[in-house]
Amino acid sequence: MNMRLTVLSFAAVMAAACGGGEEVTVEEQQQALRAARADSVAQAEAVYDPAVYDTISWENDGERWERGGVVWSFTCQRCHGADGKGQGADAVGFDIEVPDLTSADWELAGDVEAIRHVIFVGHDSEMPSMGIVGLSYKDTDAAAHYINDLLLPRE
């Protein structure tokens, strides 16, 4: 299912829930959203190519770090918070569970490749498929390094 169809499916569920037809329960809405998210993740996984990261070049680490900070500020911190602890405005406002990226026991800690993958593909819970919604491989790379280098605690 492409993104347009996912959005249309969501809109149809919401229209039905708002009186546009037979009443839809909260559980049915949640199931529809989970199905749409799974479709988005599957679509992102189908186009994800980790070899693209081998072709990305940065003038220097500072350029990548600076771009990562911009991507973080405009894309990631809405859910993950400015400090990466998972208390961003969207996470709090929509009651979304977001991991603390600064925790030493965060499952992706220190694994830039895995962080890139999750940013691009998302997952079936609340993490959107940022590669599908338009975040480039270069921005994904910058954000992954920013998260790894700046948010994870140092030993």
Protein backbone atom coordinates (compact mmCIF):
# COMPACT_ATOMS: atom_id res chain seq x y z
CA MET A 1 0.00 0.00 0.00
CA ASN A 2 1.50 3.36 -0.90
CA MET A 3 1.47 6.39 1.37
CA ARG A 4 -1.51 7.99 -0.42
CA LEU A 5 -3.58 4.85 0.10
CA THR A 6 -2.49 4.71 3.73
CA VAL A 7 -3.63 8.30 4.26
CA LEU A 8 -6.92 7.62 2.47
CA SER A 9 -7.51 4.52 4.60
CA PHE A 10 -6.88 6.55 7.74
CA ALA A 11 -9.22 9.30 6.49
CA ALA A 12 -11.96 6.76 5.81
CA VAL A 13 -11.64 5.32 9.31
CA MET A 14 -11.76 8.79 10.82
CA ALA A 15 -14.77 9.81 8.70
CA ALA A 16 -16.65 6.73 9.83
CA ALA A 17 -15.68 7.45 13.41
CA CYS A 18 -17.00 11.00 13.09
CA GLY A 19 -20.45 9.98 11.95
CA GLY A 20 -19.81 9.40 8.26
CA GLY A 21 -21.43 5.97 8.40
CA GLU A 22 -21.61 3.05 10.74
CA GLU A 23 -19.97 3.68 14.11
CA VAL A 24 -16.36 2.60 14.44
CA THR A 25 -15.00 1.60 17.82
CA VAL A 26 -11.73 2.85 19.25
CA GLU A 27 -10.35 -0.67 18.91
CA GLU A 28 -11.25 -0.71 15.19
CA GLN A 29 -9.58 2.68 14.74
CA GLN A 30 -6.46 1.42 16.49
CA GLN A 31 -6.41 -1.72 14.35
CA ALA A 32 -6.69 0.38 11.18
CA LEU A 33 -3.85 2.63 12.32
CA ARG A 34 -1.66 -0.37 13.17
CA ALA A 35 -2.36 -1.84 9.73
CA ALA A 36 -1.51 1.46 8.04
CA ARG A 37 1.72 1.75 10.05
CA ALA A 38 2.68 -1.84 9.17
CA ASP A 39 2.07 -1.06 5.49
CA SER A 40 4.24 2.04 5.75
CA VAL A 41 7.04 0.09 7.43
CA ALA A 42 6.82 -2.65 4.78
CA GLN A 43 6.96 -0.05 2.02
CA ALA A 44 9.99 1.63 3.60
CA GLU A 45 11.74 -1.72 4.13
CA ALA A 46 11.20 -2.58 0.46
CA VAL A 47 13.02 0.54 -0.73
CA TYR A 48 15.63 0.79 2.03
CA ASP A 49 19.16 0.33 0.71
CA PRO A 50 21.92 0.49 3.34
CA ALA A 51 24.56 0.53 0.57
CA VAL A 52 23.51 4.12 -0.21
CA TYR A 53 25.27 5.23 2.98
CA ASP A 54 28.58 4.14 1.45
CA THR A 55 28.09 6.79 -1.25
CA ILE A 56 27.42 9.69 1.13
CA SER A 57 30.26 12.08 1.67
CA TRP A 58 30.63 14.90 4.14
CA GLU A 59 33.18 17.69 3.91
CA ASN A 60 34.05 16.90 7.53
CA ASP A 61 32.52 15.53 10.72
CA GLY A 62 31.47 19.04 11.72
CA GLU A 63 29.29 19.39 8.63
CA ARG A 64 27.59 16.07 9.39
CA TRP A 65 27.17 17.03 13.05
CA GLU A 66 25.66 20.41 12.17
CA ARG A 67 23.21 18.86 9.70
CA GLY A 68 22.32 16.17 12.23
CA GLY A 69 21.46 18.86 14.76
CA VAL A 70 19.17 20.59 12.27
CA VAL A 71 17.42 17.31 11.39
CA TRP A 72 17.11 16.47 15.09
CA SER A 73 15.61 19.87 15.87
CA PHE A 74 13.01 19.81 13.12
CA THR A 75 12.19 16.13 12.91
CA CYS A 76 13.19 14.04 15.91
CA GLN A 77 12.77 16.17 18.98
CA ARG A 78 9.01 16.49 18.48
CA CYS A 79 8.75 13.02 19.98
CA HIS A 80 12.16 12.37 21.51
CA GLY A 81 12.51 15.78 23.19
CA ALA A 82 15.41 18.21 22.95
CA ASP A 83 17.40 16.07 25.38
CA GLY A 84 16.54 12.70 23.75
CA LYS A 85 14.80 11.35 26.85
CA GLY A 86 11.49 10.74 25.05
CA GLN A 87 9.39 13.54 26.47
CA GLY A 88 8.89 15.66 23.34
CA ALA A 89 5.66 17.61 22.82
CA ASP A 90 4.14 15.05 20.42
CA ALA A 91 5.05 12.10 22.66
CA VAL A 92 3.46 13.76 25.67
CA GLY A 93 0.50 15.25 23.79
CA PHE A 94 -0.44 12.01 22.04
CA ASP A 95 0.57 9.72 24.91
CA ILE A 96 3.19 7.92 22.82
CA GLU A 97 5.84 5.74 24.44
CA VAL A 98 9.22 6.90 23.17
CA PRO A 99 12.51 5.35 24.29
CA ASP A 100 15.11 7.33 26.19
CA LEU A 101 17.87 7.56 23.58
CA THR A 102 20.36 8.69 26.21
CA SER A 103 20.05 5.51 28.23
CA ALA A 104 23.07 3.22 28.19
CA ASP A 105 20.72 0.25 27.85
CA TRP A 106 18.88 1.64 24.80
CA GLU A 107 18.88 -1.28 22.36
CA LEU A 108 20.43 0.72 19.48
CA ALA A 109 23.10 2.46 21.56
CA GLY A 110 26.34 2.68 19.62
CA ASP A 111 24.99 1.05 16.44
CA VAL A 112 24.82 3.79 13.78
CA GLU A 113 23.70 1.33 11.09
CA ALA A 114 20.75 0.19 13.20
CA ILE A 115 19.85 3.78 14.08
CA ARG A 116 19.85 4.71 10.37
CA HIS A 117 17.61 1.75 9.62
CA VAL A 118 15.04 2.62 12.30
CA ILE A 119 14.98 6.28 11.30
CA PHE A 120 14.41 5.41 7.64
CA VAL A 121 12.07 2.42 8.05
CA GLY A 122 10.39 3.13 11.39
CA HIS A 123 8.65 0.29 13.17
CA ASP A 124 5.16 -1.03 13.80
CA SER A 125 4.61 0.92 17.00
CA GLU A 126 4.69 4.72 16.87
CA MET A 127 7.98 5.40 15.05
CA PRO A 128 7.09 6.72 11.58
CA SER A 129 8.93 5.66 8.42
CA MET A 130 10.90 8.86 7.99
CA GLY A 131 12.41 7.71 4.68
CA ILE A 132 8.92 7.35 3.24
CA VAL A 133 7.80 10.78 4.45
CA GLY A 134 10.77 12.43 2.79
CA LEU A 135 13.86 12.34 4.99
CA SER A 136 16.81 11.75 2.66
CA TYR A 137 19.50 9.15 3.18
CA LYS A 138 21.98 11.95 3.84
CA ASP A 139 19.73 13.48 6.52
CA THR A 140 19.12 10.03 7.97
CA ASP A 141 22.88 9.51 8.17
CA ALA A 142 23.39 12.90 9.82
CA ALA A 143 20.64 12.29 12.38
CA ALA A 144 21.92 8.79 13.20
CA HIS A 145 25.42 10.10 13.88
CA TYR A 146 24.06 13.03 15.87
CA ILE A 147 22.03 10.67 18.04
CA ASN A 148 24.94 8.29 18.49
CA ASP A 149 27.59 10.94 19.11
CA LEU A 150 25.73 13.52 21.15
CA LEU A 151 22.87 11.87 22.97
CA LEU A 152 24.37 8.64 24.15
CA PRO A 153 26.16 8.79 27.47
CA ARG A 154 29.93 8.53 27.41
CA GLU A 155 31.72 6.05 29.59
